[in-house]
Amino acid sequence: MQFLKNLLASVLGTFIAIVLAFVFLFIIIAGVASSIDSTEEVNVREKSVLMINLQKPVTDRSPNQFELEAAFDLDAEAIGLDKILASIRAAKDDERIEGISIEHTFLQSGMSQTQAMRDALSDFKQSGKFIYAYHDFYTQKDYYFASVADSVFVHPEGGVDISGLASEVLYLKEFQDITGIQMQVIRNGAYKSAVEPFLRDEMSDENRQQIKSLLDSFWKEMLVKMEERTVLNSKKINQIASDLDASVAANAVKIGVVDNTLLRNEYKELLRNQMELGEDDKLNTIDIEDYQQTVKSHLGDGKDRIAVVYAQGEIIYGEGGEFQIGQELFIRTLKKIKENDRTKAVVIRINSPGGSALSSELIYQEIEALQEEMPVVVSMGDVAASGGYYIAAGADYIFAEPTTITGSIGVFGILPLVEDLAENWGVRAEQVSTHPNALLYSPMKSLTPSARQEIRQQIKRVYSTFLERVATGRNMSVEEVDKVAQGRVWSGSDAYNIGLVDSLGGLEEAVAYAAKLAETESYRTTNYPKFSDDFESFLQSLQPSPFGQTAIGKSIQHFQSLFSNQTTQIDHIQARIPFELNIR
């Protein structure tokens, strides 16, 4: 009898599951159909103003949006730099676009991304079309971006934050002593500050030196751009930053930081006057996210192909994805590119703080193999450091933005230990093993002296290999590389001066140089990796993305990741930039 009950329950459960699956499938199909029916073609009217109002985080590559996401009207959580630059480039030659209006506050982009967009706008001005900017309040990055405009306006009750650059690092040694949570750290490189907060109560002289050098380099670059506003010079801007003279709108106008104060409706009227519209004429505007739908994001229309491979996020051992670099997906992508006879060169766009040393080496090896088939050029974004620089070292040529964070050639190992915390809460772990180091990666047992020595030797070996890879790629001796390595972080400008990069420039410059090396003038770009539009990918896309987080949230996430149980990780040796380096 019990058997029959169980059988009937199983049959009923299966039937209900099938019905629910069909209902869900019907909803999806209906959603897709409705989205197709409701899709409206973007229409760019004559005499339009392109509106740049970037409310979303900026990523190097536009996030992949699946058809299922569109069906449920799920907007992408970020906007791609590639689409932004393509839109500005297209608007320059688009007779329907009369000018650009920059209207946003709290720009969510990295320094190099911001510079790339600003450079694109500077090139746009060569067309003779206008660029105006209006904000309620300008953050320092907002103003740096907006300072390219012909005229800059602010709300009468707003202001401009020009205060210089700073970085704040939290030190956790005493916290570990109090909580009983310990991080067992073995590092190589005097400047390898990624783990310094776990070892010290205060900043080391080496870390302070590299951060100060980085900030000075970034600020110098920002000054060069902001000086383009004729009434300002570096001395005056530095004085403004020291005294916060631009924080009040009226004073910002008086000292020449902005051109005037306007209410938003007054700014709209100014745009109307610029367009010479009559009283009854409508001001035509189009948002850059809508405009980009009408623009081809590739460069060129030739038969040859330049593959642009995006490497975004932390380097992990494994598959990887849109926002993580895994050797499995990356190597598979490069092999696929090699099989395409129409592909003549590869540009790898790197925006990564590094990560797994093993995965970095495996990717490096595949890039080296690819070089035997075609030229490989690297374009560095906001950050291409440590493991990010490791994979770049094998390229024929490296481009970096002046504000790129790069270098950090160094290695460390980190293993969490919660033995004291557990004991404080009445938890004890007893081990049984056949050998002294069988529980090497257990968070409940501290490293034995022999295990610590072995890991130290592994780190030295990986660091030595890292130096050799860089020395080969940069045509330098190992000794020369070691002098600029030691885990030290460099700006793109400084990296160029010491020979770690070949030229300063962005993705477009890298693509053009790759085409030159390939000896092709008729080409277009193709973006990689390719992502499938399947149901599994759709479900994965619903997971929280690394974008749209606050700075505090990102810090907490990093803190959690470092203290997490790493016993299942294959690669405990890391080539990673200091995450706590948060410049603002």
Protein backbone atom coordinates (compact mmCIF):
# COMPACT_ATOMS: atom_id res chain seq x y z
CA MET A 1 0.00 0.00 0.00
CA GLN A 2 2.82 2.34 0.91
CA PHE A 3 4.42 1.53 -2.45
CA LEU A 4 1.28 2.62 -4.30
CA LYS A 5 1.12 5.85 -2.31
CA ASN A 6 4.74 6.63 -3.18
CA LEU A 7 4.13 5.76 -6.83
CA LEU A 8 1.04 7.98 -7.06
CA ALA A 9 2.91 10.82 -5.34
CA SER A 10 5.80 10.50 -7.79
CA VAL A 11 3.46 10.47 -10.80
CA LEU A 12 1.52 13.46 -9.49
CA GLY A 13 4.72 15.37 -8.76
CA THR A 14 6.09 14.67 -12.22
CA PHE A 15 2.81 15.77 -13.82
CA ILE A 16 2.78 19.05 -11.87
CA ALA A 17 6.42 19.70 -12.77
CA ILE A 18 5.66 19.15 -16.48
CA VAL A 19 2.65 21.49 -16.34
CA LEU A 20 4.68 24.21 -14.61
CA ALA A 21 7.49 23.80 -17.15
CA PHE A 22 5.02 24.26 -20.02
CA VAL A 23 3.49 27.32 -18.33
CA PHE A 24 6.92 28.83 -17.81
CA LEU A 25 7.89 28.06 -21.41
CA PHE A 26 4.67 29.69 -22.64
CA ILE A 27 5.43 32.83 -20.63
CA ILE A 28 8.93 33.00 -22.12
CA ILE A 29 7.66 32.53 -25.68
CA ALA A 30 4.96 35.13 -25.15
CA GLY A 31 7.51 37.52 -23.69
CA VAL A 32 9.87 37.04 -26.62
CA ALA A 33 7.04 37.50 -29.12
CA SER A 34 5.78 40.64 -27.44
CA SER A 35 9.27 42.07 -27.27
CA ILE A 36 9.72 41.48 -30.99
CA ASP A 37 6.36 43.04 -31.78
CA SER A 38 6.98 46.03 -29.56
CA THR A 39 10.49 46.71 -30.75
CA GLU A 40 10.67 50.18 -32.28
CA GLU A 41 13.38 51.21 -34.65
CA VAL A 42 15.45 54.07 -33.25
CA ASN A 43 14.89 57.18 -35.33
CA VAL A 44 17.51 59.93 -35.36
CA ARG A 45 15.79 63.17 -36.31
CA GLU A 46 17.43 65.98 -38.23
CA LYS A 47 19.09 68.69 -36.12
CA SER A 48 19.44 66.49 -33.02
CA VAL A 49 21.60 66.82 -29.92
CA LEU A 50 23.35 63.66 -28.70
CA MET A 51 22.82 63.39 -24.94
CA ILE A 52 25.58 61.78 -22.88
CA ASN A 53 23.97 60.92 -19.56
CA LEU A 54 25.88 57.92 -18.22
CA GLN A 55 23.92 56.64 -15.23
CA LYS A 56 25.32 53.10 -15.43
CA PRO A 57 28.77 51.70 -14.72
CA VAL A 58 31.06 51.66 -17.75
CA THR A 59 32.69 48.38 -18.79
CA ASP A 60 35.28 47.94 -21.54
CA ARG A 61 32.94 45.73 -23.55
CA SER A 62 29.18 46.05 -23.72
CA PRO A 63 27.59 43.41 -21.50
CA ASN A 64 26.05 40.52 -23.38
CA GLN A 65 22.25 40.84 -23.36
CA PHE A 66 20.35 37.72 -24.18
CA GLU A 67 17.07 37.64 -26.05
CA LEU A 68 15.37 36.30 -22.94
CA GLU A 69 16.52 39.34 -20.99
CA ALA A 70 15.09 41.61 -23.63
CA ALA A 71 11.84 39.66 -23.50
CA PHE A 72 11.46 40.44 -19.84
CA ASP A 73 12.63 44.02 -20.33
CA LEU A 74 15.73 43.51 -18.20
CA ASP A 75 18.13 46.34 -18.95
CA ALA A 76 21.85 45.73 -18.95
CA GLU A 77 23.48 46.85 -15.72
CA ALA A 78 26.36 48.53 -17.51
CA ILE A 79 27.18 50.35 -20.72
CA GLY A 80 30.16 49.36 -22.85
CA LEU A 81 33.04 51.71 -23.57
CA ASP A 82 33.26 50.21 -27.04
CA LYS A 83 29.71 51.36 -27.84
CA ILE A 84 30.27 54.81 -26.31
CA LEU A 85 33.38 55.45 -28.38
CA ALA A 86 31.73 54.10 -31.54
CA SER A 87 28.74 56.40 -30.97
CA ILE A 88 30.87 59.52 -30.48
CA ARG A 89 32.93 58.61 -33.54
CA ALA A 90 29.78 58.13 -35.64
CA ALA A 91 28.20 61.36 -34.36
CA LYS A 92 31.19 63.31 -35.61
CA ASP A 93 30.27 62.52 -39.22
CA ASP A 94 26.49 62.21 -38.75
CA GLU A 95 24.85 65.24 -40.40
CA ARG A 96 21.77 64.72 -38.23
CA ILE A 97 23.77 65.37 -35.04
CA GLU A 98 24.40 69.09 -34.44
CA GLY A 99 26.26 68.76 -31.15
CA ILE A 100 26.64 66.95 -27.84
CA SER A 101 25.28 67.73 -24.39
CA ILE A 102 27.00 66.10 -21.39
CA GLU A 103 24.55 65.76 -18.50
CA HIS A 104 25.34 63.41 -15.63
CA THR A 105 26.62 63.31 -12.09
CA PHE A 106 28.80 60.70 -10.40
CA LEU A 107 30.40 59.16 -13.47
CA GLN A 108 30.91 55.40 -12.90
CA SER A 109 33.99 54.73 -15.00
CA GLY A 110 37.66 54.14 -14.41
CA MET A 111 40.27 56.82 -15.03
CA SER A 112 41.46 55.31 -18.30
CA GLN A 113 37.91 54.78 -19.50
CA THR A 114 37.12 58.40 -18.66
CA GLN A 115 40.21 59.57 -20.51
CA ALA A 116 39.31 57.48 -23.58
CA MET A 117 35.82 59.03 -23.68
CA ARG A 118 37.26 62.51 -23.19
CA ASP A 119 39.76 61.98 -26.01
CA ALA A 120 36.91 60.83 -28.28
CA LEU A 121 35.00 64.03 -27.48
CA SER A 122 38.11 66.09 -28.15
CA ASP A 123 38.30 64.47 -31.59
CA PHE A 124 34.57 65.13 -32.09
CA LYS A 125 35.20 68.87 -31.68
CA GLN A 126 37.35 68.79 -34.82
CA SER A 127 34.06 68.59 -36.76
CA GLY A 128 33.17 72.13 -35.66
CA LYS A 129 30.10 70.87 -33.80
CA PHE A 130 29.46 72.11 -30.25
CA ILE A 131 29.82 70.34 -26.91
CA TYR A 132 28.11 71.76 -23.82
CA ALA A 133 28.10 70.34 -20.28
CA TYR A 134 25.63 70.81 -17.47
CA HIS A 135 25.53 69.22 -14.01
CA ASP A 136 23.79 69.97 -10.76
CA PHE A 137 27.10 69.20 -9.07
CA TYR A 138 30.43 68.08 -10.50
CA THR A 139 32.53 65.42 -8.87
CA GLN A 140 36.20 65.70 -9.71
CA LYS A 141 35.94 62.96 -12.33
CA ASP A 142 32.78 64.52 -13.74
CA TYR A 143 34.57 67.83 -14.16
CA TYR A 144 37.66 66.21 -15.67
CA PHE A 145 35.39 64.64 -18.28
CA ALA A 146 33.24 67.73 -18.83
CA SER A 147 36.21 70.10 -19.11
CA VAL A 148 36.54 69.07 -22.78
CA ALA A 149 33.30 70.97 -23.52
CA ASP A 150 33.16 74.36 -25.21
CA SER A 151 31.18 75.68 -22.26
CA VAL A 152 30.56 74.21 -18.81
CA PHE A 153 27.53 75.13 -16.69
CA VAL A 154 26.39 74.26 -13.17
CA HIS A 155 23.25 74.71 -11.07
CA PRO A 156 23.35 77.91 -8.94
CA GLU A 157 23.17 75.84 -5.74
CA GLY A 158 25.70 73.28 -6.93
CA GLY A 159 29.48 73.40 -7.17
CA VAL A 160 32.61 71.60 -8.36
CA ASP A 161 34.67 69.17 -6.29
CA ILE A 162 38.30 69.84 -7.19
CA SER A 163 40.28 68.53 -4.24
CA GLY A 164 43.09 66.38 -5.65
CA LEU A 165 43.49 62.59 -5.51
CA ALA A 166 43.74 60.34 -2.48
CA SER A 167 43.87 56.66 -1.57
CA GLU A 168 42.85 55.18 1.78
CA VAL A 169 44.00 51.73 2.91
CA LEU A 170 42.52 49.80 5.84
CA TYR A 171 44.98 47.79 7.97
CA LEU A 172 43.67 44.65 9.66
CA LYS A 173 46.49 43.14 11.70
CA GLU A 174 45.02 44.11 15.08
CA PHE A 175 41.57 43.10 13.87
CA GLN A 176 42.91 39.62 13.20
CA ASP A 177 44.39 39.46 16.70
CA ILE A 178 41.04 40.47 18.22
CA THR A 179 38.83 38.15 16.16
CA GLY A 180 41.12 35.14 16.00
CA ILE A 181 41.00 35.13 12.19
CA GLN A 182 44.48 34.99 10.74
CA MET A 183 45.82 35.16 7.21
CA GLN A 184 48.95 33.08 6.61
CA VAL A 185 50.85 35.15 4.07
CA ILE A 186 53.97 34.36 2.08
CA ARG A 187 54.98 37.01 -0.43
CA ASN A 188 57.70 37.99 -2.84
CA GLY A 189 58.50 41.55 -3.78
CA ALA A 190 59.12 44.57 -1.56
CA TYR A 191 56.13 46.43 -3.00
CA LYS A 192 53.61 43.55 -2.98
CA SER A 193 51.08 45.44 -0.89
CA ALA A 194 48.07 43.24 -1.71
CA VAL A 195 48.66 41.43 1.57
CA GLU A 196 50.27 44.23 3.57
CA PRO A 197 47.10 45.09 5.54
CA PHE A 198 47.20 41.59 7.05
CA LEU A 199 50.82 41.91 8.14
CA ARG A 200 51.13 45.46 9.48
CA ASP A 201 49.29 48.09 11.49
CA GLU A 202 50.55 50.92 9.31
CA MET A 203 51.57 51.56 5.71
CA SER A 204 55.09 50.60 4.69
CA ASP A 205 57.41 53.19 3.17
CA GLU A 206 57.49 51.18 -0.06
CA ASN A 207 53.70 51.12 -0.38
CA ARG A 208 53.41 54.81 0.47
CA GLN A 209 56.02 55.58 -2.17
CA GLN A 210 54.27 53.67 -4.94
CA ILE A 211 50.83 55.04 -4.14
CA LYS A 212 52.15 58.62 -3.96
CA SER A 213 53.95 58.14 -7.28
CA LEU A 214 50.78 56.75 -8.84
CA LEU A 215 48.60 59.60 -7.57
CA ASP A 216 51.10 62.21 -8.74
CA SER A 217 51.21 60.65 -12.22
CA PHE A 218 47.42 60.55 -12.50
CA TRP A 219 47.02 64.10 -11.23
CA LYS A 220 49.63 65.36 -13.67
CA GLU A 221 47.68 63.82 -16.54
CA MET A 222 44.42 65.34 -15.29
CA LEU A 223 46.08 68.75 -15.02
CA VAL A 224 47.24 68.59 -18.65
CA LYS A 225 43.64 68.02 -19.78
CA MET A 226 42.00 70.54 -17.44
CA GLU A 227 44.53 73.18 -18.49
CA GLU A 228 42.89 73.12 -21.91
CA ARG A 229 40.29 75.45 -20.45
CA THR A 230 42.03 78.69 -21.34
CA VAL A 231 41.53 80.51 -18.06
CA LEU A 232 43.11 77.74 -15.99
CA ASN A 233 46.70 76.67 -15.51
CA SER A 234 48.26 73.98 -13.33
CA LYS A 235 49.30 76.42 -10.62
CA LYS A 236 45.79 77.83 -10.39
CA ILE A 237 44.14 74.39 -10.42
CA ASN A 238 46.44 73.17 -7.63
CA GLN A 239 45.53 76.24 -5.58
CA ILE A 240 41.84 75.61 -6.21
CA ALA A 241 42.27 71.98 -5.08
CA SER A 242 44.11 73.00 -1.91
CA ASP A 243 41.58 75.66 -0.88
CA LEU A 244 38.39 74.00 -2.26
CA ASP A 245 37.66 77.29 -4.03
CA ALA A 246 35.28 75.75 -6.58
CA SER A 247 32.95 74.02 -4.11
CA VAL A 248 30.43 76.89 -4.33
CA ALA A 249 28.91 77.52 -7.76
CA ALA A 250 29.20 81.30 -7.73
CA ASN A 251 32.87 81.14 -6.84
CA ALA A 252 33.49 78.42 -9.45
CA VAL A 253 32.20 80.89 -12.07
CA LYS A 254 34.29 83.74 -10.63
CA ILE A 255 37.58 81.83 -10.84
CA GLY A 256 36.83 80.36 -14.29
CA VAL A 257 36.24 76.71 -13.42
CA VAL A 258 32.78 76.88 -15.03
CA ASP A 259 31.35 79.41 -17.46
CA ASN A 260 28.07 80.21 -15.74
CA THR A 261 25.31 79.08 -13.41
CA LEU A 262 22.04 78.00 -14.97
CA LEU A 263 18.82 76.32 -13.93
CA ARG A 264 18.07 73.18 -15.93
CA ASN A 265 15.26 74.84 -17.93
CA GLU A 266 17.63 77.73 -18.70
CA TYR A 267 20.21 75.25 -19.98
CA LYS A 268 17.60 73.66 -22.26
CA GLU A 269 16.79 77.12 -23.59
CA LEU A 270 20.50 77.70 -24.23
CA LEU A 271 20.57 74.52 -26.33
CA ARG A 272 17.53 75.75 -28.25
CA ASN A 273 19.28 79.03 -28.99
CA GLN A 274 22.41 77.19 -30.09
CA MET A 275 20.28 75.17 -32.52
CA GLU A 276 18.55 78.41 -33.69
CA LEU A 277 15.11 76.95 -33.04
CA GLY A 278 11.93 78.94 -33.34
CA GLU A 279 9.42 79.32 -30.52
CA ASP A 280 7.31 76.42 -31.79
CA ASP A 281 10.22 74.19 -32.81
CA LYS A 282 10.95 71.08 -30.75
CA LEU A 283 14.42 70.42 -29.38
CA ASN A 284 15.35 67.01 -30.77
CA THR A 285 17.56 64.93 -28.51
CA ILE A 286 18.70 61.33 -28.55
CA ASP A 287 20.30 59.47 -25.66
CA ILE A 288 23.63 57.80 -26.40
CA GLU A 289 22.23 54.39 -25.37
CA ASP A 290 19.53 54.74 -28.04
CA TYR A 291 21.89 56.23 -30.59
CA GLN A 292 24.36 53.36 -30.22
CA GLN A 293 21.71 50.98 -31.59
CA THR A 294 22.09 52.74 -34.93
CA VAL A 295 25.88 52.57 -34.92
CA LYS A 296 28.23 49.81 -35.98
CA SER A 297 30.65 49.21 -33.12
CA HIS A 298 33.30 47.65 -35.37
CA LEU A 299 36.08 49.55 -37.05
CA GLY A 300 36.27 49.32 -40.81
CA ASP A 301 34.42 47.34 -43.46
CA GLY A 302 37.15 45.28 -45.10
CA LYS A 303 37.31 41.57 -45.74
CA ASP A 304 40.17 40.93 -43.30
CA ARG A 305 39.50 40.57 -39.59
CA ILE A 306 41.24 41.96 -36.51
CA ALA A 307 40.10 39.95 -33.49
CA VAL A 308 39.58 41.99 -30.32
CA VAL A 309 39.65 39.69 -27.30
CA TYR A 310 38.31 41.23 -24.10
CA ALA A 311 39.91 40.09 -20.86
CA GLN A 312 37.89 41.68 -18.05
CA GLY A 313 37.99 40.90 -14.34
CA GLU A 314 39.99 38.74 -11.98
CA ILE A 315 42.04 35.88 -13.39
CA ILE A 316 40.78 32.56 -12.02
CA TYR A 317 41.69 28.95 -12.59
CA GLY A 318 38.84 27.45 -14.57
CA GLU A 319 36.26 28.44 -17.17
CA GLY A 320 35.79 32.17 -16.60
CA GLY A 321 33.12 34.31 -18.26
CA GLU A 322 32.20 37.90 -19.15
CA PHE A 323 33.62 39.38 -15.97
CA GLN A 324 36.22 36.78 -15.02
CA ILE A 325 39.24 35.58 -16.98
CA GLY A 326 39.57 31.81 -16.91
CA GLN A 327 42.19 29.96 -18.92
CA GLU A 328 39.65 27.46 -20.28
CA LEU A 329 37.46 30.00 -22.09
CA PHE A 330 40.42 32.21 -23.03
CA ILE A 331 42.51 29.42 -24.53
CA ARG A 332 39.50 27.99 -26.37
CA THR A 333 38.83 31.46 -27.81
CA LEU A 334 42.41 31.91 -29.05
CA LYS A 335 42.41 28.47 -30.67
CA LYS A 336 39.18 29.33 -32.48
CA ILE A 337 40.71 32.59 -33.72
CA LYS A 338 43.73 30.72 -35.08
CA GLU A 339 41.44 28.52 -37.16
CA ASN A 340 39.86 31.54 -38.90
CA ASP A 341 41.82 32.24 -42.08
CA ARG A 342 40.33 35.74 -42.37
CA THR A 343 41.75 36.85 -39.01
CA LYS A 344 45.08 38.57 -39.60
CA ALA A 345 45.92 39.93 -36.13
CA VAL A 346 44.70 39.90 -32.52
CA VAL A 347 44.27 42.74 -30.04
CA ILE A 348 43.84 41.68 -26.40
CA ARG A 349 42.07 44.32 -24.35
CA ILE A 350 43.08 43.74 -20.72
CA ASN A 351 41.27 45.22 -17.73
CA SER A 352 42.36 42.97 -14.88
CA PRO A 353 44.02 43.24 -11.45
CA GLY A 354 45.46 39.74 -11.90
CA GLY A 355 44.73 36.62 -9.89
CA SER A 356 45.75 33.01 -10.38
CA ALA A 357 49.43 32.71 -11.24
CA LEU A 358 48.93 29.29 -12.83
CA SER A 359 46.09 30.47 -15.05
CA SER A 360 48.16 33.52 -16.06
CA GLU A 361 51.03 31.25 -17.15
CA LEU A 362 48.71 28.99 -19.16
CA ILE A 363 47.20 31.99 -20.96
CA TYR A 364 50.67 33.40 -21.59
CA GLN A 365 51.73 30.13 -23.23
CA GLU A 366 48.72 30.19 -25.54
CA ILE A 367 49.40 33.82 -26.53
CA GLU A 368 53.00 32.87 -27.29
CA ALA A 369 51.76 30.05 -29.53
CA LEU A 370 49.34 32.43 -31.25
CA GLN A 371 52.22 34.78 -32.08
CA GLU A 372 53.64 32.14 -34.38
CA GLU A 373 50.51 32.52 -36.54
CA MET A 374 49.76 36.27 -36.42
CA PRO A 375 50.65 39.56 -34.66
CA VAL A 376 49.34 40.04 -31.12
CA VAL A 377 48.92 43.54 -29.65
CA VAL A 378 47.77 44.39 -26.11
CA SER A 379 45.60 47.35 -25.18
CA MET A 380 45.55 48.08 -21.43
CA GLY A 381 42.45 49.59 -19.87
CA ASP A 382 42.05 50.93 -16.34
CA VAL A 383 44.21 48.21 -14.85
CA ALA A 384 46.45 45.54 -16.34
CA ALA A 385 48.64 44.58 -13.43
CA SER A 386 50.30 41.55 -11.88
CA GLY A 387 48.61 38.59 -13.60
CA GLY A 388 47.09 41.11 -16.01
CA TYR A 389 50.58 42.24 -16.94
CA TYR A 390 51.79 38.62 -17.01
CA ILE A 391 49.49 37.76 -19.92
CA ALA A 392 50.34 41.04 -21.65
CA ALA A 393 54.08 40.37 -21.56
CA GLY A 394 53.92 37.88 -24.39
CA ALA A 395 52.46 40.32 -26.93
CA ASP A 396 54.36 41.88 -29.84
CA TYR A 397 53.42 45.37 -28.73
CA ILE A 398 51.74 46.91 -25.66
CA PHE A 399 49.60 50.08 -25.51
CA ALA A 400 48.55 51.66 -22.23
CA GLU A 401 46.60 54.76 -21.31
CA PRO A 402 48.58 57.32 -19.26
CA THR A 403 46.24 56.55 -16.34
CA THR A 404 46.41 52.76 -16.64
CA ILE A 405 47.48 50.98 -13.44
CA THR A 406 50.03 48.37 -14.47
CA GLY A 407 53.18 46.56 -13.39
CA SER A 408 52.83 44.90 -9.98
CA ILE A 409 55.18 42.16 -11.10
CA GLY A 410 55.20 40.03 -7.97
CA VAL A 411 53.68 36.94 -6.37
CA PHE A 412 52.15 36.00 -3.03
CA GLY A 413 50.44 33.11 -1.32
CA ILE A 414 47.65 33.50 1.20
CA LEU A 415 45.85 30.90 3.31
CA PRO A 416 43.19 31.67 5.93
CA LEU A 417 43.46 30.31 9.45
CA VAL A 418 40.45 30.35 11.80
CA GLU A 419 41.79 28.00 14.49
CA ASP A 420 41.79 30.68 17.23
CA LEU A 421 38.34 31.96 16.24
CA ALA A 422 36.92 28.45 16.36
CA GLU A 423 38.47 27.77 19.77
CA ASN A 424 37.03 31.02 21.14
CA TRP A 425 33.59 29.73 20.16
CA GLY A 426 34.17 26.31 21.61
CA VAL A 427 34.95 24.55 18.35
CA ARG A 428 37.93 22.25 18.10
CA ALA A 429 39.18 20.35 15.10
CA GLU A 430 41.00 17.05 15.53
CA GLN A 431 43.03 15.75 12.59
CA VAL A 432 44.03 12.30 11.52
CA SER A 433 46.46 11.97 8.63
CA THR A 434 49.08 9.72 7.15
CA HIS A 435 51.65 12.49 6.62
CA PRO A 436 52.57 15.78 8.34
CA ASN A 437 51.32 18.03 5.51
CA ALA A 438 48.25 16.11 4.38
CA LEU A 439 46.05 18.95 5.71
CA LEU A 440 48.12 21.66 4.06
CA TYR A 441 45.15 23.85 3.06
CA SER A 442 42.97 23.35 6.12
CA PRO A 443 41.80 26.65 7.69
CA MET A 444 41.80 24.88 11.08
CA LYS A 445 45.53 24.05 11.13
CA SER A 446 48.47 26.44 10.81
CA LEU A 447 51.18 25.76 8.29
CA THR A 448 54.04 23.57 9.40
CA PRO A 449 57.54 25.04 8.99
CA SER A 450 58.23 22.59 6.16
CA ALA A 451 54.98 23.52 4.39
CA ARG A 452 55.68 27.24 4.73
CA GLN A 453 59.17 26.70 3.32
CA GLU A 454 57.78 24.69 0.40
CA ILE A 455 55.22 27.39 -0.47
CA ARG A 456 57.94 30.03 -0.22
CA GLN A 457 60.01 28.05 -2.72
CA GLN A 458 56.99 27.74 -5.03
CA ILE A 459 56.45 31.50 -4.88
CA LYS A 460 60.12 32.16 -5.64
CA ARG A 461 59.89 29.80 -8.62
CA VAL A 462 56.75 31.49 -9.95
CA TYR A 463 58.28 34.94 -9.45
CA SER A 464 61.42 33.83 -11.29
CA THR A 465 59.29 32.55 -14.18
CA PHE A 466 57.31 35.81 -14.16
CA LEU A 467 60.55 37.80 -14.47
CA GLU A 468 61.75 35.58 -17.32
CA ARG A 469 58.47 36.01 -19.22
CA VAL A 470 58.65 39.80 -18.90
CA ALA A 471 62.37 39.90 -19.77
CA THR A 472 61.77 37.89 -22.95
CA GLY A 473 58.75 39.93 -23.99
CA ARG A 474 60.32 43.32 -23.26
CA ASN A 475 63.83 42.53 -24.54
CA MET A 476 65.28 43.25 -21.11
CA SER A 477 67.54 41.29 -18.81
CA VAL A 478 66.05 39.54 -15.79
CA GLU A 479 68.05 41.89 -13.58
CA GLU A 480 66.59 44.94 -15.34
CA VAL A 481 63.05 43.62 -14.91
CA ASP A 482 63.65 42.80 -11.25
CA LYS A 483 64.60 46.43 -10.58
CA VAL A 484 61.17 47.67 -11.75
CA ALA A 485 59.29 44.60 -10.48
CA GLN A 486 59.19 43.63 -6.77
CA GLY A 487 55.40 43.98 -6.97
CA ARG A 488 55.56 47.75 -7.58
CA VAL A 489 52.59 49.39 -9.27
CA TRP A 490 53.18 51.92 -12.09
CA SER A 491 50.98 54.33 -14.02
CA GLY A 492 50.80 53.89 -17.78
CA SER A 493 52.97 56.98 -18.27
CA ASP A 494 55.65 55.75 -15.88
CA ALA A 495 55.48 52.23 -17.32
CA TYR A 496 56.18 53.70 -20.75
CA ASN A 497 59.21 55.59 -19.41
CA ILE A 498 60.73 52.44 -17.87
CA GLY A 499 60.02 50.19 -20.85
CA LEU A 500 57.12 48.07 -19.55
CA VAL A 501 54.84 49.32 -22.34
CA ASP A 502 55.67 50.37 -25.89
CA SER A 503 53.32 53.28 -26.48
CA LEU A 504 50.59 55.40 -24.90
CA GLY A 505 47.18 55.09 -26.52
CA GLY A 506 43.81 53.40 -26.43
CA LEU A 507 42.06 50.49 -28.10
CA GLU A 508 41.71 52.19 -31.48
CA GLU A 509 45.44 52.90 -31.63
CA ALA A 510 46.11 49.27 -30.73
CA VAL A 511 43.80 48.02 -33.49
CA ALA A 512 45.43 50.31 -36.06
CA TYR A 513 48.90 49.10 -35.07
CA ALA A 514 47.82 45.45 -35.21
CA ALA A 515 46.57 46.06 -38.75
CA LYS A 516 49.90 47.66 -39.61
CA LEU A 517 51.80 44.63 -38.31
CA ALA A 518 49.47 42.37 -40.32
CA GLU A 519 50.03 44.53 -43.40
CA THR A 520 46.33 44.99 -44.06
CA GLU A 521 44.44 48.20 -44.78
CA SER A 522 41.07 46.63 -45.51
CA TYR A 523 39.72 45.16 -42.29
CA ARG A 524 37.05 45.19 -39.62
CA THR A 525 37.12 44.15 -36.00
CA THR A 526 35.37 41.15 -34.44
CA ASN A 527 34.84 40.92 -30.67
CA TYR A 528 35.62 37.84 -28.59
CA PRO A 529 34.81 35.74 -26.58
CA LYS A 530 31.47 34.78 -28.07
CA PHE A 531 28.69 34.06 -25.59
CA SER A 532 25.73 31.84 -26.38
CA ASP A 533 22.15 33.01 -26.03
CA ASP A 534 20.83 29.97 -24.23
CA PHE A 535 18.65 29.42 -21.19
CA GLU A 536 21.56 28.55 -18.92
CA SER A 537 23.33 31.78 -19.84
CA PHE A 538 20.11 33.67 -19.20
CA LEU A 539 19.83 32.26 -15.70
CA GLN A 540 23.48 33.10 -15.04
CA SER A 541 22.83 36.65 -16.19
CA LEU A 542 20.25 37.02 -13.42
CA GLN A 543 22.98 36.58 -10.83
CA PRO A 544 24.40 39.76 -9.26
CA SER A 545 27.03 41.30 -11.53
CA PRO A 546 30.25 42.87 -10.30
CA PHE A 547 29.06 46.23 -11.54
CA GLY A 548 26.80 48.75 -9.94
CA GLN A 549 28.34 48.18 -6.51
CA THR A 550 29.49 50.90 -4.19
CA ALA A 551 33.13 51.32 -3.31
CA ILE A 552 32.35 50.08 0.18
CA GLY A 553 30.56 47.07 -1.23
CA LYS A 554 33.53 46.18 -3.38
CA SER A 555 35.86 46.48 -0.38
CA ILE A 556 33.65 44.17 1.64
CA GLN A 557 33.52 41.71 -1.24
CA HIS A 558 37.31 41.65 -1.45
CA PHE A 559 37.57 41.26 2.32
CA GLN A 560 35.20 38.31 2.20
CA SER A 561 37.04 36.70 -0.70
CA LEU A 562 40.38 36.87 1.08
CA PHE A 563 38.98 35.35 4.26
CA SER A 564 36.99 32.65 2.49
CA ASN A 565 37.88 28.97 2.68
CA GLN A 566 40.38 28.37 -0.11
CA THR A 567 40.85 24.66 0.44
CA THR A 568 39.14 23.83 -2.86
CA GLN A 569 41.23 26.24 -4.92
CA ILE A 570 43.84 24.67 -7.14
CA ASP A 571 46.01 27.75 -7.26
CA HIS A 572 46.79 29.36 -3.90
CA ILE A 573 49.67 31.35 -5.41
CA GLN A 574 48.45 34.71 -6.66
CA ALA A 575 49.79 37.36 -9.02
CA ARG A 576 47.43 40.13 -8.05
CA ILE A 577 47.44 43.90 -7.65
CA PRO A 578 46.46 45.38 -4.25
CA PHE A 579 42.68 45.55 -4.23
CA GLU A 580 42.74 48.09 -1.43
CA LEU A 581 44.19 50.67 -3.83
CA ASN A 582 41.07 52.80 -4.23
CA ILE A 583 41.85 56.17 -5.82
CA ARG A 584 39.30 58.94 -5.51
